N, C-alpha and C. Protein backbone atom coordinates (compact mmCIF):
# COMPACT_ATOMS: atom_id res chain seq x y z
N MET A 1 0.81 -1.19 0.00
CA MET A 1 0.00 0.00 0.00
C MET A 1 0.87 1.27 0.00
N VAL A 2 1.95 1.26 0.81
CA VAL A 2 2.85 2.40 0.87
C VAL A 2 3.56 2.56 -0.48
N ASN A 3 3.97 1.44 -1.07
CA ASN A 3 4.63 1.52 -2.38
C ASN A 3 3.71 2.12 -3.44
N PHE A 4 2.42 1.75 -3.35
CA PHE A 4 1.46 2.30 -4.30
C PHE A 4 1.33 3.81 -4.12
N ALA A 5 1.26 4.28 -2.90
CA ALA A 5 1.13 5.71 -2.61
C ALA A 5 2.37 6.47 -3.07
N VAL A 6 3.55 5.91 -2.82
CA VAL A 6 4.80 6.54 -3.25
C VAL A 6 4.85 6.58 -4.78
N GLY A 7 4.44 5.51 -5.41
CA GLY A 7 4.42 5.47 -6.87
C GLY A 7 3.48 6.51 -7.45
N CYS A 8 2.29 6.65 -6.84
CA CYS A 8 1.34 7.68 -7.31
C CYS A 8 1.92 9.08 -7.13
N LEU A 9 2.60 9.30 -6.01
CA LEU A 9 3.21 10.60 -5.74
C LEU A 9 4.30 10.91 -6.77
N VAL A 10 5.13 9.92 -7.10
CA VAL A 10 6.18 10.11 -8.09
C VAL A 10 5.58 10.42 -9.45
N VAL A 11 4.54 9.68 -9.85
CA VAL A 11 3.88 9.92 -11.13
C VAL A 11 3.27 11.32 -11.16
N ALA A 12 2.64 11.73 -10.06
CA ALA A 12 2.03 13.06 -10.00
C ALA A 12 3.10 14.15 -10.12
N LEU A 13 4.21 13.97 -9.43
CA LEU A 13 5.29 14.96 -9.50
C LEU A 13 5.89 15.02 -10.91
N LEU A 14 6.08 13.87 -11.52
CA LEU A 14 6.60 13.85 -12.88
C LEU A 14 5.62 14.53 -13.85
N GLY A 15 4.35 14.28 -13.68
CA GLY A 15 3.34 14.91 -14.53
C GLY A 15 3.31 16.42 -14.33
N ALA A 16 3.40 16.85 -13.09
CA ALA A 16 3.41 18.29 -12.81
C ALA A 16 4.65 18.95 -13.40
N GLY A 17 5.78 18.27 -13.27
CA GLY A 17 7.03 18.81 -13.83
C GLY A 17 6.96 18.91 -15.34
N ALA A 18 6.42 17.88 -15.98
CA ALA A 18 6.29 17.91 -17.44
C ALA A 18 5.33 19.01 -17.87
N GLY A 19 4.25 19.19 -17.13
CA GLY A 19 3.31 20.25 -17.45
C GLY A 19 3.92 21.63 -17.28
N TRP A 20 4.72 21.77 -16.24
CA TRP A 20 5.38 23.05 -15.98
C TRP A 20 6.38 23.38 -17.09
N ILE A 21 7.14 22.37 -17.53
CA ILE A 21 8.16 22.59 -18.56
C ILE A 21 7.52 22.87 -19.92
N THR A 22 6.47 22.14 -20.26
CA THR A 22 5.87 22.28 -21.59
C THR A 22 4.71 23.26 -21.63
N GLY A 23 4.35 23.83 -20.50
CA GLY A 23 3.22 24.76 -20.43
C GLY A 23 3.50 26.07 -21.14
N PRO A 24 2.51 26.96 -21.13
CA PRO A 24 2.69 28.25 -21.80
C PRO A 24 3.79 29.06 -21.14
N GLU A 25 4.50 29.86 -21.99
CA GLU A 25 5.60 30.67 -21.47
C GLU A 25 5.06 31.76 -20.57
N LYS A 26 5.76 31.99 -19.49
CA LYS A 26 5.45 33.08 -18.60
C LYS A 26 6.25 34.29 -19.05
N SER A 27 5.70 35.45 -18.89
CA SER A 27 6.42 36.68 -19.24
C SER A 27 7.53 36.90 -18.23
N THR A 28 8.72 37.18 -18.74
CA THR A 28 9.86 37.44 -17.86
C THR A 28 10.12 38.93 -17.73
N GLY A 29 9.28 39.73 -18.32
CA GLY A 29 9.49 41.17 -18.28
C GLY A 29 10.35 41.67 -19.42
N THR A 30 10.93 40.76 -20.20
CA THR A 30 11.77 41.19 -21.31
C THR A 30 10.97 41.35 -22.59
N GLN A 31 9.80 40.71 -22.63
CA GLN A 31 8.97 40.84 -23.82
C GLN A 31 8.09 42.07 -23.66
N ASN A 32 7.76 42.69 -24.73
CA ASN A 32 6.95 43.89 -24.68
C ASN A 32 5.74 43.69 -25.58
N PRO A 33 4.56 43.40 -25.00
CA PRO A 33 3.40 43.08 -25.82
C PRO A 33 2.91 44.26 -26.66
N LYS A 34 3.24 45.49 -26.30
CA LYS A 34 2.77 46.65 -27.06
C LYS A 34 3.70 47.01 -28.20
N GLY A 35 4.82 46.35 -28.34
CA GLY A 35 5.74 46.64 -29.43
C GLY A 35 6.82 47.63 -29.04
N ASP A 36 7.61 48.03 -30.03
CA ASP A 36 8.76 48.89 -29.80
C ASP A 36 8.39 50.26 -29.25
N GLU A 37 7.19 50.78 -29.57
CA GLU A 37 6.82 52.12 -29.15
C GLU A 37 6.78 52.23 -27.64
N ALA A 38 6.37 51.18 -26.95
CA ALA A 38 6.20 51.23 -25.51
C ALA A 38 7.46 50.82 -24.75
N MET A 39 8.51 50.47 -25.44
CA MET A 39 9.74 50.05 -24.77
C MET A 39 10.40 51.24 -24.10
N THR A 40 11.03 50.98 -22.96
CA THR A 40 11.78 52.03 -22.29
C THR A 40 13.08 52.29 -23.06
N LEU A 41 13.71 53.39 -22.74
CA LEU A 41 14.97 53.73 -23.38
C LEU A 41 16.02 52.64 -23.12
N GLN A 42 16.07 52.15 -21.89
CA GLN A 42 17.04 51.11 -21.56
C GLN A 42 16.77 49.83 -22.35
N GLN A 43 15.50 49.48 -22.52
CA GLN A 43 15.16 48.29 -23.30
C GLN A 43 15.57 48.47 -24.77
N LYS A 44 15.31 49.65 -25.31
CA LYS A 44 15.70 49.92 -26.70
C LYS A 44 17.21 49.87 -26.85
N TYR A 45 17.93 50.41 -25.87
CA TYR A 45 19.39 50.40 -25.94
C TYR A 45 19.93 48.97 -25.90
N LEU A 46 19.41 48.15 -24.98
CA LEU A 46 19.87 46.76 -24.90
C LEU A 46 19.54 46.00 -26.18
N LEU A 47 18.36 46.24 -26.73
CA LEU A 47 17.98 45.59 -27.98
C LEU A 47 18.91 46.03 -29.12
N ALA A 48 19.25 47.30 -29.14
CA ALA A 48 20.15 47.81 -30.19
C ALA A 48 21.53 47.19 -30.08
N THR A 49 22.02 46.95 -28.87
CA THR A 49 23.34 46.32 -28.73
C THR A 49 23.33 44.90 -29.27
N VAL A 50 22.18 44.24 -29.20
CA VAL A 50 22.07 42.88 -29.73
C VAL A 50 21.90 42.91 -31.24
N ARG A 51 20.99 43.75 -31.72
CA ARG A 51 20.71 43.81 -33.16
C ARG A 51 21.84 44.48 -33.94
N ASP A 52 22.41 45.52 -33.38
CA ASP A 52 23.47 46.31 -34.02
C ASP A 52 23.13 46.63 -35.47
N ASP A 53 22.01 47.33 -35.64
CA ASP A 53 21.63 47.79 -36.97
C ASP A 53 21.20 49.26 -36.91
N GLU A 54 21.12 49.86 -38.06
CA GLU A 54 20.81 51.29 -38.14
C GLU A 54 19.49 51.63 -37.47
N GLU A 55 18.45 50.88 -37.79
CA GLU A 55 17.12 51.18 -37.26
C GLU A 55 17.11 51.16 -35.73
N SER A 56 17.74 50.17 -35.13
CA SER A 56 17.75 50.07 -33.67
C SER A 56 18.50 51.22 -33.03
N TRP A 57 19.66 51.57 -33.59
CA TRP A 57 20.43 52.69 -33.03
C TRP A 57 19.66 54.00 -33.20
N LEU A 58 19.01 54.19 -34.33
CA LEU A 58 18.23 55.42 -34.55
C LEU A 58 17.05 55.52 -33.60
N GLN A 59 16.44 54.39 -33.26
CA GLN A 59 15.34 54.41 -32.29
C GLN A 59 15.83 54.88 -30.92
N VAL A 60 17.00 54.42 -30.51
CA VAL A 60 17.56 54.87 -29.22
C VAL A 60 17.85 56.37 -29.28
N ILE A 61 18.46 56.81 -30.37
CA ILE A 61 18.80 58.23 -30.52
C ILE A 61 17.54 59.08 -30.51
N ASP A 62 16.52 58.67 -31.26
CA ASP A 62 15.27 59.43 -31.31
C ASP A 62 14.58 59.46 -29.95
N HIS A 63 14.60 58.33 -29.24
CA HIS A 63 13.93 58.22 -27.94
C HIS A 63 14.61 59.09 -26.89
N SER A 64 15.91 59.28 -27.02
CA SER A 64 16.67 59.99 -25.98
C SER A 64 17.16 61.36 -26.44
N SER A 65 16.64 61.86 -27.55
CA SER A 65 17.17 63.11 -28.11
C SER A 65 16.94 64.31 -27.21
N GLU A 66 15.95 64.26 -26.33
CA GLU A 66 15.69 65.40 -25.45
C GLU A 66 16.68 65.49 -24.30
N ASN A 67 17.00 64.36 -23.67
CA ASN A 67 17.89 64.43 -22.51
C ASN A 67 19.36 64.20 -22.85
N ARG A 68 19.63 63.59 -23.98
CA ARG A 68 20.99 63.34 -24.45
C ARG A 68 21.90 62.80 -23.34
N GLY A 69 21.45 61.74 -22.73
CA GLY A 69 22.24 61.09 -21.68
C GLY A 69 23.14 60.01 -22.24
N TYR A 70 23.51 59.09 -21.36
CA TYR A 70 24.46 58.02 -21.68
C TYR A 70 24.03 57.24 -22.92
N GLU A 71 22.78 56.79 -22.94
CA GLU A 71 22.31 55.95 -24.04
C GLU A 71 22.38 56.69 -25.37
N TYR A 72 22.05 57.97 -25.35
CA TYR A 72 22.08 58.76 -26.58
C TYR A 72 23.47 58.76 -27.18
N TRP A 73 24.49 59.10 -26.38
CA TRP A 73 25.85 59.22 -26.90
C TRP A 73 26.44 57.86 -27.25
N GLN A 74 26.11 56.84 -26.48
CA GLN A 74 26.59 55.49 -26.82
C GLN A 74 25.97 55.02 -28.13
N ALA A 75 24.68 55.32 -28.32
CA ALA A 75 24.01 54.93 -29.56
C ALA A 75 24.60 55.69 -30.75
N LYS A 76 24.88 56.99 -30.57
CA LYS A 76 25.49 57.77 -31.65
C LYS A 76 26.85 57.19 -32.02
N GLN A 77 27.66 56.87 -31.01
CA GLN A 77 28.98 56.30 -31.26
C GLN A 77 28.86 54.97 -31.98
N SER A 78 27.98 54.11 -31.50
CA SER A 78 27.79 52.79 -32.13
C SER A 78 27.29 52.93 -33.55
N LEU A 79 26.37 53.87 -33.78
CA LEU A 79 25.87 54.10 -35.13
C LEU A 79 26.98 54.61 -36.04
N GLY A 80 27.85 55.47 -35.52
CA GLY A 80 28.98 55.96 -36.31
C GLY A 80 29.88 54.82 -36.76
N PHE A 81 30.19 53.90 -35.86
CA PHE A 81 31.03 52.77 -36.24
C PHE A 81 30.27 51.78 -37.12
N TRP A 82 28.95 51.68 -36.92
CA TRP A 82 28.16 50.84 -37.81
C TRP A 82 28.23 51.40 -39.23
N TYR A 83 28.07 52.73 -39.37
CA TYR A 83 28.19 53.35 -40.69
C TYR A 83 29.57 53.11 -41.27
N LEU A 84 30.60 53.22 -40.45
CA LEU A 84 31.96 52.98 -40.93
C LEU A 84 32.09 51.56 -41.47
N ASN A 85 31.57 50.58 -40.73
CA ASN A 85 31.66 49.18 -41.15
C ASN A 85 30.84 48.90 -42.42
N GLN A 86 29.82 49.72 -42.66
CA GLN A 86 28.99 49.57 -43.85
C GLN A 86 29.49 50.42 -45.02
N SER A 87 30.63 51.09 -44.83
CA SER A 87 31.21 52.00 -45.83
C SER A 87 30.28 53.15 -46.17
N ARG A 88 29.53 53.60 -45.20
CA ARG A 88 28.66 54.77 -45.36
C ARG A 88 29.39 55.95 -44.73
N PHE A 89 30.37 56.42 -45.47
CA PHE A 89 31.34 57.37 -44.93
C PHE A 89 30.77 58.76 -44.66
N ILE A 90 29.82 59.20 -45.43
CA ILE A 90 29.24 60.54 -45.23
C ILE A 90 28.53 60.60 -43.88
N GLU A 91 27.69 59.60 -43.59
CA GLU A 91 26.98 59.56 -42.32
C GLU A 91 27.95 59.38 -41.16
N CYS A 92 28.96 58.55 -41.37
CA CYS A 92 29.98 58.30 -40.35
C CYS A 92 30.70 59.60 -39.99
N ARG A 93 31.13 60.32 -41.01
CA ARG A 93 31.86 61.58 -40.79
C ARG A 93 31.01 62.58 -40.01
N ALA A 94 29.74 62.70 -40.34
CA ALA A 94 28.86 63.65 -39.65
C ALA A 94 28.78 63.35 -38.16
N ILE A 95 28.65 62.09 -37.82
CA ILE A 95 28.55 61.72 -36.40
C ILE A 95 29.85 62.02 -35.67
N PHE A 96 30.98 61.60 -36.22
CA PHE A 96 32.23 61.79 -35.50
C PHE A 96 32.69 63.25 -35.49
N LYS A 97 32.28 64.04 -36.48
CA LYS A 97 32.56 65.48 -36.42
C LYS A 97 31.79 66.12 -35.27
N GLU A 98 30.56 65.65 -35.06
CA GLU A 98 29.77 66.16 -33.93
C GLU A 98 30.48 65.86 -32.61
N PHE A 99 30.99 64.65 -32.47
CA PHE A 99 31.72 64.29 -31.25
C PHE A 99 32.97 65.16 -31.10
N ALA A 100 33.71 65.33 -32.18
CA ALA A 100 34.99 66.06 -32.12
C ALA A 100 34.81 67.52 -31.74
N GLN A 101 33.63 68.07 -31.91
CA GLN A 101 33.38 69.48 -31.58
C GLN A 101 33.34 69.74 -30.07
N PHE A 102 33.41 68.71 -29.27
CA PHE A 102 33.34 68.86 -27.81
C PHE A 102 34.72 69.09 -27.19
N GLU A 103 35.66 69.63 -27.94
CA GLU A 103 37.05 69.79 -27.50
C GLU A 103 37.19 70.19 -26.04
N SER A 104 36.64 71.33 -25.65
CA SER A 104 36.87 71.82 -24.29
C SER A 104 35.79 71.39 -23.31
N SER A 105 34.58 71.22 -23.77
CA SER A 105 33.50 70.91 -22.83
C SER A 105 33.42 69.44 -22.44
N ASN A 106 33.86 68.53 -23.30
CA ASN A 106 33.80 67.11 -22.98
C ASN A 106 34.92 66.39 -23.73
N PRO A 107 36.13 66.35 -23.14
CA PRO A 107 37.27 65.75 -23.83
C PRO A 107 37.06 64.28 -24.22
N GLN A 108 36.29 63.54 -23.42
CA GLN A 108 36.07 62.13 -23.76
C GLN A 108 35.28 62.00 -25.06
N ARG A 109 34.23 62.80 -25.21
CA ARG A 109 33.48 62.76 -26.47
C ARG A 109 34.36 63.23 -27.62
N ALA A 110 35.17 64.25 -27.37
CA ALA A 110 36.03 64.77 -28.44
C ALA A 110 37.01 63.71 -28.92
N VAL A 111 37.63 62.98 -27.99
CA VAL A 111 38.62 61.98 -28.40
C VAL A 111 37.94 60.81 -29.12
N ILE A 112 36.71 60.49 -28.74
CA ILE A 112 35.95 59.47 -29.47
C ILE A 112 35.71 59.95 -30.90
N GLY A 113 35.36 61.22 -31.04
CA GLY A 113 35.15 61.78 -32.38
C GLY A 113 36.41 61.73 -33.22
N HIS A 114 37.54 62.11 -32.62
CA HIS A 114 38.80 62.07 -33.37
C HIS A 114 39.20 60.63 -33.70
N ALA A 115 38.97 59.71 -32.77
CA ALA A 115 39.28 58.30 -33.05
C ALA A 115 38.42 57.79 -34.20
N GLY A 116 37.15 58.17 -34.21
CA GLY A 116 36.27 57.78 -35.32
C GLY A 116 36.72 58.39 -36.64
N LEU A 117 37.13 59.66 -36.61
CA LEU A 117 37.61 60.30 -37.84
C LEU A 117 38.92 59.68 -38.32
N ALA A 118 39.78 59.29 -37.38
CA ALA A 118 41.03 58.61 -37.77
C ALA A 118 40.72 57.25 -38.40
N SER A 119 39.76 56.53 -37.83
CA SER A 119 39.36 55.24 -38.40
C SER A 119 38.75 55.43 -39.79
N LEU A 120 37.96 56.48 -39.94
CA LEU A 120 37.35 56.78 -41.23
C LEU A 120 38.41 57.12 -42.28
N ALA A 121 39.38 57.96 -41.92
CA ALA A 121 40.45 58.30 -42.86
C ALA A 121 41.22 57.04 -43.26
N HIS A 122 41.47 56.17 -42.29
CA HIS A 122 42.17 54.91 -42.56
C HIS A 122 41.38 54.06 -43.55
N ARG A 123 40.07 53.88 -43.28
CA ARG A 123 39.23 53.07 -44.17
C ARG A 123 39.13 53.65 -45.56
N SER A 124 39.29 54.97 -45.66
CA SER A 124 39.22 55.65 -46.96
C SER A 124 40.55 55.66 -47.68
N GLY A 125 41.58 55.03 -47.08
CA GLY A 125 42.89 54.96 -47.72
C GLY A 125 43.76 56.18 -47.49
N ARG A 126 43.34 57.06 -46.61
CA ARG A 126 44.14 58.26 -46.30
C ARG A 126 44.95 57.99 -45.03
N TYR A 127 45.96 57.14 -45.17
CA TYR A 127 46.73 56.66 -44.02
C TYR A 127 47.51 57.77 -43.33
N GLY A 128 48.06 58.69 -44.09
CA GLY A 128 48.81 59.80 -43.51
C GLY A 128 47.92 60.70 -42.67
N GLN A 129 46.74 61.02 -43.20
CA GLN A 129 45.79 61.84 -42.45
C GLN A 129 45.33 61.11 -41.20
N SER A 130 45.06 59.83 -41.33
CA SER A 130 44.64 59.02 -40.19
C SER A 130 45.70 59.05 -39.09
N GLN A 131 46.95 58.85 -39.49
CA GLN A 131 48.03 58.83 -38.50
C GLN A 131 48.22 60.19 -37.85
N LYS A 132 48.05 61.26 -38.61
CA LYS A 132 48.19 62.61 -38.07
C LYS A 132 47.12 62.86 -37.00
N ILE A 133 45.89 62.44 -37.26
CA ILE A 133 44.81 62.59 -36.28
C ILE A 133 45.13 61.80 -35.02
N ILE A 134 45.62 60.57 -35.20
CA ILE A 134 45.96 59.75 -34.04
C ILE A 134 47.05 60.42 -33.22
N ASP A 135 48.11 60.86 -33.88
CA ASP A 135 49.25 61.46 -33.16
C ASP A 135 48.90 62.77 -32.48
N GLU A 136 48.15 63.63 -33.17
CA GLU A 136 47.90 64.97 -32.65
C GLU A 136 46.65 65.10 -31.80
N GLN A 137 45.60 64.39 -32.16
CA GLN A 137 44.32 64.57 -31.47
C GLN A 137 43.99 63.46 -30.48
N VAL A 138 44.35 62.23 -30.83
CA VAL A 138 43.93 61.09 -30.02
C VAL A 138 44.96 60.74 -28.95
N ALA A 139 46.23 60.70 -29.31
CA ALA A 139 47.27 60.25 -28.38
C ALA A 139 47.25 60.96 -27.03
N PRO A 140 47.10 62.29 -26.97
CA PRO A 140 47.11 62.94 -25.66
C PRO A 140 45.95 62.54 -24.74
N LEU A 141 44.85 62.09 -25.32
CA LEU A 141 43.67 61.73 -24.53
C LEU A 141 43.30 60.25 -24.66
N ARG A 142 44.22 59.47 -25.12
CA ARG A 142 43.99 58.03 -25.36
C ARG A 142 43.43 57.33 -24.13
N HIS A 143 43.87 57.74 -22.95
CA HIS A 143 43.43 57.09 -21.71
C HIS A 143 41.91 57.23 -21.48
N LEU A 144 41.27 58.14 -22.18
CA LEU A 144 39.82 58.32 -22.04
C LEU A 144 39.02 57.35 -22.90
N LEU A 145 39.69 56.63 -23.77
CA LEU A 145 39.02 55.67 -24.65
C LEU A 145 38.84 54.33 -23.93
N THR A 146 37.84 53.59 -24.36
CA THR A 146 37.64 52.25 -23.82
C THR A 146 38.76 51.33 -24.31
N PRO A 147 39.04 50.25 -23.58
CA PRO A 147 40.06 49.31 -24.06
C PRO A 147 39.76 48.79 -25.47
N GLN A 148 38.50 48.57 -25.78
CA GLN A 148 38.13 48.10 -27.13
C GLN A 148 38.50 49.14 -28.18
N MET A 149 38.22 50.40 -27.89
CA MET A 149 38.56 51.47 -28.83
C MET A 149 40.07 51.61 -28.95
N GLN A 150 40.79 51.45 -27.85
CA GLN A 150 42.26 51.53 -27.90
C GLN A 150 42.83 50.42 -28.78
N LYS A 151 42.28 49.21 -28.67
CA LYS A 151 42.75 48.11 -29.51
C LYS A 151 42.48 48.39 -30.99
N ARG A 152 41.30 48.94 -31.27
CA ARG A 152 40.95 49.28 -32.65
C ARG A 152 41.95 50.28 -33.21
N LEU A 153 42.28 51.30 -32.42
CA LEU A 153 43.22 52.32 -32.88
C LEU A 153 44.64 51.78 -32.99
N ASP A 154 45.01 50.85 -32.11
CA ASP A 154 46.34 50.23 -32.22
C ASP A 154 46.48 49.54 -33.58
N LEU A 155 45.44 48.84 -33.99
CA LEU A 155 45.46 48.16 -35.29
C LEU A 155 45.53 49.18 -36.43
N VAL A 156 44.72 50.23 -36.35
CA VAL A 156 44.74 51.27 -37.38
C VAL A 156 46.13 51.90 -37.45
N LYS A 157 46.70 52.21 -36.30
CA LYS A 157 48.02 52.84 -36.26
C LYS A 157 49.08 51.93 -36.87
N ARG A 158 49.03 50.64 -36.51
CA ARG A 158 50.01 49.69 -37.03
C ARG A 158 49.95 49.61 -38.56
N VAL A 159 48.75 49.50 -39.10
CA VAL A 159 48.59 49.42 -40.55
C VAL A 159 49.00 50.74 -41.20
N ASN A 160 48.63 51.87 -40.59
CA ASN A 160 49.05 53.17 -41.12
C ASN A 160 50.57 53.24 -41.24
N LEU A 161 51.25 52.89 -40.15
CA LEU A 161 52.71 53.00 -40.13
C LEU A 161 53.36 52.04 -41.12
N GLU A 162 52.81 50.82 -41.24
CA GLU A 162 53.35 49.87 -42.21
C GLU A 162 53.20 50.42 -43.63
N PHE A 163 52.05 50.99 -43.92
CA PHE A 163 51.83 51.54 -45.26
C PHE A 163 52.75 52.74 -45.50
N LEU A 164 52.83 53.62 -44.53
CA LEU A 164 53.66 54.82 -44.70
C LEU A 164 55.14 54.48 -44.84
N GLN A 165 55.59 53.39 -44.20
CA GLN A 165 56.99 52.96 -44.33
C GLN A 165 57.28 52.45 -45.74
N THR A 166 56.28 51.89 -46.40
CA THR A 166 56.50 51.40 -47.76
C THR A 166 56.69 52.56 -48.74
N LEU A 167 56.23 53.75 -48.36
CA LEU A 167 56.38 54.92 -49.22
C LEU A 167 57.77 55.53 -49.14
N ASP A 168 58.47 55.25 -48.04
CA ASP A 168 59.82 55.83 -47.86
C ASP A 168 60.85 55.20 -48.74
């Protein structure tokens, strides 16, 4: 009799577990039933980091254009490099020129702008101009760049110098 009761309990627990696993999905708070319009700025920013496409970055920029906080500037920077990777140099230049204009008021934004412009010059085959920007504008404030950005510039600098040495 006890074995029968234990067996029934085990079967019931297994059935409940199977029902729980295969049952309807519960909302974890990450899904947004109203669509992109109702998403918070932070949700749009996280989604943009995953999607890494123009539309997602523009949604973050548009959503945060009034307060221009962290997400706004990170999205602008990411969109600038996305444009660079897509060879959309006109859009890329406009974004990084905006960053570079912050010379005295925000040196970190300015150095990001100059780093972006140096990367753009490099991608456009203007290695001398790229290296000049790195040496004159970026090097003094390099410590303000993220490690990822520093690695990117190290590669750009190395290729610039290799190319420029072949001209000598």
